[in-house]
Protein backbone atom coordinates (compact mmCIF):
# COMPACT_ATOMS: atom_id res chain seq x y z
CA UNK A 1 0.21 17.84 -15.69
CA UNK A 2 2.76 17.41 -18.83
CA UNK A 3 5.63 15.76 -16.64
CA UNK A 4 3.17 13.40 -14.86
CA UNK A 5 0.97 12.59 -17.70
CA UNK A 6 4.57 11.50 -19.12
CA UNK A 7 5.47 9.47 -16.18
CA UNK A 8 2.24 7.01 -16.25
CA UNK A 9 2.81 6.90 -20.07
CA UNK A 10 5.93 5.34 -19.57
CA UNK A 11 5.45 3.90 -16.24
CA UNK A 12 2.03 2.53 -16.43
CA UNK A 13 1.71 4.17 -12.79
CA UNK A 14 0.89 7.95 -11.90
CA UNK A 15 4.01 9.87 -10.34
CA UNK A 16 2.48 9.25 -7.04
CA UNK A 17 -0.70 7.11 -5.74
CA UNK A 18 -3.16 7.14 -2.37
CA UNK A 19 -5.73 9.16 -0.68
CA UNK A 20 -6.33 12.51 -2.47
CA UNK A 21 -4.67 14.42 0.23
CA UNK A 22 -1.54 12.48 0.58
CA UNK A 23 -1.30 12.64 -2.71
CA UNK A 24 -1.24 16.28 -2.94
CA UNK A 25 1.55 16.35 -0.37
CA UNK A 26 3.69 14.24 -2.02
CA UNK A 27 3.09 16.51 -5.28
CA UNK A 28 4.60 19.33 -2.95
CA UNK A 29 7.24 17.68 -0.62
CA UNK A 30 7.95 14.21 -2.10
CA UNK A 31 10.55 13.07 -4.72
CA UNK A 32 9.01 10.87 -7.54
CA UNK A 33 10.97 7.61 -8.00
CA UNK A 34 12.33 7.70 -11.40
CA UNK A 35 10.60 5.81 -14.16
CA UNK A 36 13.69 3.23 -14.69
CA UNK A 37 13.18 2.13 -10.72
CA UNK A 38 9.48 1.86 -10.72
CA UNK A 39 9.46 -0.42 -13.97
CA UNK A 40 12.66 -2.20 -13.88
CA UNK A 41 12.21 -4.69 -16.13
CA UNK A 42 11.95 -1.73 -19.63
CA UNK A 43 14.34 0.23 -21.27
CA UNK A 44 13.73 3.61 -20.86
CA UNK A 45 16.19 6.58 -22.71
CA UNK A 46 17.96 8.24 -19.83
CA UNK A 47 17.57 11.09 -21.84
CA UNK A 48 13.77 11.10 -21.78
CA UNK A 49 14.00 10.18 -17.76
CA UNK A 50 15.85 13.12 -17.04
CA UNK A 51 12.90 14.88 -18.97
CA UNK A 52 10.69 13.52 -16.63
CA UNK A 53 12.11 14.35 -13.78
CA UNK A 54 13.08 17.85 -14.62
CA UNK A 55 9.47 18.44 -15.49
CA UNK A 56 8.54 17.06 -12.12
CA UNK A 57 11.14 19.03 -10.28
CA UNK A 58 9.15 20.79 -6.67
CA UNK A 59 10.48 24.25 -7.94
CA UNK A 60 9.27 25.76 -10.60
CA UNK A 61 12.50 27.20 -11.24
CA UNK A 62 13.89 24.01 -11.87
CA UNK A 63 11.35 22.73 -14.16
CA UNK A 64 12.68 23.24 -18.26
CA UNK A 65 10.60 26.03 -19.80
CA UNK A 66 7.51 24.84 -22.43
CA UNK A 67 10.08 25.72 -25.51
CA UNK A 68 13.14 23.79 -24.10
CA UNK A 69 10.48 20.62 -23.49
CA UNK A 70 9.12 21.11 -26.85
CA UNK A 71 12.64 20.68 -28.11
CA UNK A 72 13.62 18.10 -26.04
CA UNK A 73 10.69 15.97 -27.18
CA UNK A 74 11.78 16.78 -30.96
CA UNK A 75 15.17 15.60 -30.40
CA UNK A 76 13.77 12.22 -28.65
CA UNK A 77 11.39 11.92 -31.38
CA UNK A 78 13.84 12.07 -33.97
CA UNK A 79 16.80 9.52 -32.01
CA UNK A 80 14.45 7.20 -30.74
CA UNK A 81 12.50 6.35 -33.91
CA UNK A 82 15.93 6.29 -36.08
CA UNK A 83 16.34 4.02 -33.28
CA UNK A 84 13.64 1.68 -33.30
CA UNK A 85 13.29 1.70 -37.69
CA UNK A 86 17.29 0.40 -37.09
CA UNK A 87 16.91 -2.46 -34.68
CA UNK A 88 13.14 -3.28 -33.84
CA UNK A 89 11.32 -2.69 -30.71
CA UNK A 90 11.95 -5.93 -29.08
CA UNK A 91 15.56 -5.23 -29.21
CA UNK A 92 15.54 -2.24 -28.13
CA UNK A 93 13.39 -3.28 -25.15
CA UNK A 94 15.55 -5.93 -24.43
CA UNK A 95 18.57 -4.16 -24.54
CA UNK A 96 18.69 -3.14 -20.50
CA UNK A 97 18.59 -6.86 -19.78
CA UNK A 98 22.04 -7.49 -21.85
CA UNK A 99 23.71 -4.47 -19.99
CA UNK A 100 26.68 -5.22 -17.62
CA UNK A 101 26.43 -4.06 -14.58
CA UNK A 102 30.47 -2.27 -14.85
CA UNK A 103 32.28 -1.42 -17.64
CA UNK A 104 36.04 -1.33 -18.40
CA UNK A 105 38.15 0.64 -19.76
CA UNK A 106 38.22 -1.26 -22.91
CA UNK A 107 34.83 -2.14 -23.18
CA UNK A 108 33.62 1.66 -23.50
CA UNK A 109 32.15 2.46 -26.45
CA UNK A 110 33.55 4.74 -29.32
CA UNK A 111 32.62 8.86 -29.22
CA UNK A 112 29.32 8.32 -31.60
CA UNK A 113 30.03 9.98 -35.01
CA UNK A 114 28.36 12.79 -35.57
CA UNK A 115 24.64 12.88 -37.07
CA UNK A 116 24.75 9.19 -35.47
CA UNK A 117 21.11 8.71 -33.81
CA UNK A 118 22.48 6.57 -31.15
CA UNK A 119 24.82 10.14 -30.33
CA UNK A 120 22.37 11.61 -27.79
CA UNK A 121 20.36 8.37 -26.36
CA UNK A 122 23.48 6.33 -25.78
CA UNK A 123 24.00 4.69 -22.29
CA UNK A 124 26.01 2.33 -20.76
CA UNK A 125 25.07 1.13 -17.11
CA UNK A 126 27.93 2.56 -15.45
CA UNK A 127 26.32 6.05 -15.15
CA UNK A 128 24.70 7.28 -11.77
CA UNK A 129 20.94 6.67 -11.10
CA UNK A 130 19.12 9.30 -12.25
CA UNK A 131 17.50 11.03 -9.09
CA UNK A 132 15.25 13.85 -7.94
CA UNK A 133 16.76 16.47 -5.71
CA UNK A 134 16.00 17.00 -2.28
CA UNK A 135 15.02 20.41 -1.94
CA UNK A 136 14.39 20.22 2.24
CA UNK A 137 16.99 20.61 4.77
CA UNK A 138 18.95 17.06 5.46
CA UNK A 139 18.00 15.22 8.56
CA UNK A 140 19.44 11.94 9.26
CA UNK A 141 16.94 9.02 10.41
CA UNK A 142 18.60 6.08 12.62
CA UNK A 143 16.85 3.41 14.40
CA UNK A 144 13.03 2.80 13.73
CA UNK A 145 11.86 3.75 10.16
CA UNK A 146 9.37 6.88 9.70
CA UNK A 147 5.89 5.63 8.31
CA UNK A 148 4.60 7.52 5.15
CA UNK A 149 2.90 10.17 6.74
CA UNK A 150 5.68 11.24 9.28
CA UNK A 151 7.69 11.44 5.84
CA UNK A 152 5.77 13.29 4.28
CA UNK A 153 5.11 15.80 7.40
CA UNK A 154 8.57 16.52 7.87
CA UNK A 155 8.88 17.76 4.37
CA UNK A 156 6.14 20.04 4.77
CA UNK A 157 8.07 21.44 7.49
CA UNK A 158 11.25 22.31 4.89
CA UNK A 159 13.26 18.84 6.27
CA UNK A 160 14.43 15.78 4.06
CA UNK A 161 14.53 12.91 5.75
CA UNK A 162 17.38 10.59 4.44
CA UNK A 163 17.56 6.89 5.93
CA UNK A 164 20.76 6.13 7.95
CA UNK A 165 22.65 4.05 10.03
CA UNK A 166 25.32 4.79 13.23
CA UNK A 167 28.05 4.48 10.99
CA UNK A 168 27.13 5.64 8.22
CA UNK A 169 25.59 9.10 8.84
CA UNK A 170 24.73 11.18 5.23
CA UNK A 171 26.78 14.15 4.39
CA UNK A 172 25.16 17.44 4.64
CA UNK A 173 22.75 16.04 7.69
CA UNK A 174 22.20 19.09 9.95
CA UNK A 175 21.31 16.35 12.68
CA UNK A 176 20.10 12.77 13.69
CA UNK A 177 16.99 12.06 14.47
CA UNK A 178 16.98 8.60 16.41
CA UNK A 179 13.61 7.28 17.14
CA UNK A 180 13.84 4.03 19.43
CA UNK A 181 17.47 4.44 19.95
CA UNK A 182 19.30 2.87 22.85
CA UNK A 183 22.20 4.56 25.29
CA UNK A 184 25.12 3.33 23.91
CA UNK A 185 23.96 3.98 19.98
CA UNK A 186 23.36 7.82 20.88
CA UNK A 187 26.43 8.08 23.08
CA UNK A 188 28.26 7.14 19.85
CA UNK A 189 26.15 9.44 17.21
CA UNK A 190 27.47 12.28 20.08
CA UNK A 191 30.64 11.39 20.19
CA UNK A 192 30.97 11.21 16.48
CA UNK A 193 29.98 14.99 16.68
CA UNK A 194 26.35 14.62 15.46
CA UNK A 195 23.29 16.71 16.75
CA UNK A 196 21.36 14.19 17.94
CA UNK A 197 17.50 13.88 18.86
CA UNK A 198 15.48 10.99 20.37
CA UNK A 199 12.40 10.06 21.36
CA UNK A 200 10.93 8.44 25.04
CA UNK A 201 7.69 7.06 26.52
CA UNK A 202 5.63 9.85 28.68
CA UNK A 203 6.51 7.28 31.59
CA UNK A 204 10.20 7.36 31.29
CA UNK A 205 10.15 11.10 31.69
CA UNK A 206 12.61 10.56 34.28
CA UNK A 207 15.32 9.49 31.60
CA UNK A 208 15.45 13.15 29.63
CA UNK A 209 18.20 14.66 32.24
CA UNK A 210 20.20 11.41 31.54
CA UNK A 211 19.91 11.56 28.02
CA UNK A 212 20.69 15.56 28.13
CA UNK A 213 23.70 14.74 30.45
CA UNK A 214 25.09 12.07 27.89
CA UNK A 215 24.51 14.33 25.06
CA UNK A 216 21.74 14.37 23.05
CA UNK A 217 20.20 17.44 22.25
CA UNK A 218 16.71 17.32 22.37
CA UNK A 219 14.17 14.84 23.07
CA UNK A 220 10.56 14.47 22.00
CA UNK A 221 7.70 12.10 23.37
CA UNK A 222 6.33 9.15 21.73
CA UNK A 223 3.52 9.24 19.79
CA UNK A 224 5.89 11.25 17.84
CA UNK A 225 3.99 14.88 17.05
CA UNK A 226 6.17 16.14 13.45
CA UNK A 227 5.13 19.90 14.74
CA UNK A 228 6.63 19.47 18.08
CA UNK A 229 9.71 17.61 16.54
CA UNK A 230 10.32 20.60 13.89
CA UNK A 231 10.36 22.91 16.97
CA UNK A 232 12.53 21.14 18.97
CA UNK A 233 14.73 21.16 15.65
CA UNK A 234 14.94 24.63 15.12
CA UNK A 235 15.83 25.52 18.38
CA UNK A 236 19.16 22.75 18.46
CA UNK A 237 19.93 24.19 14.97
CA UNK A 238 20.03 27.89 16.06
CA UNK A 239 21.98 26.87 19.17
CA UNK A 240 24.48 25.11 17.27
CA UNK A 241 24.53 28.61 14.81
CA UNK A 242 25.22 30.51 17.90
CA UNK A 243 27.40 28.46 19.49
CA UNK A 244 29.75 28.21 16.07
CA UNK A 245 29.28 32.02 15.70
CA UNK A 246 31.10 32.50 19.07
């Protein structure tokens, strides 16, 4: 709750918005958009953003303790307060706009001196973006984008849908779901060694044997029912595991 309050104080938006049941599902299964991406025109100290995202992790064991939060907040209150008094709020908020996208070796700042209030909050734009951890089994999605409700339902079934292209499947994806994909795309994905699932219209049931012969692992019918897709994914992964154990 405190993490959600901090998020809203920093961004002027709650972590998730929508109908009540959808928000509950998002809080349970969907990674939150980092504050710096939600309000890209404002400077948000990385240490503060990391703390907020850690407090909003899905699994309790991944969140900081109350003592850890209190200690981090005390440190932030000192370092940020010193910076504002030294530079002024307008300077601080405008810092992000003055940052460059790349940092050459000659431009990397010197190591902050001990006791320098910049030491714990100094940022350079070359730092990797902060993201929450995905907790589900990675599933690449190629082709027709899934709606928010479908993505949430997949997360509720233990899968993390990851947008992909046939040429760029995310590392770690256990399978590829390619709704609406044509035969050439499906064939290319199969030849690349991926476990592939796709969908068809009920009037195209005669295509099932063609797709299976092509190497597609499973086929679901439209409109997509996530429970059906989840069951077929489990079946595909079990088969692959048994095959790998031989």
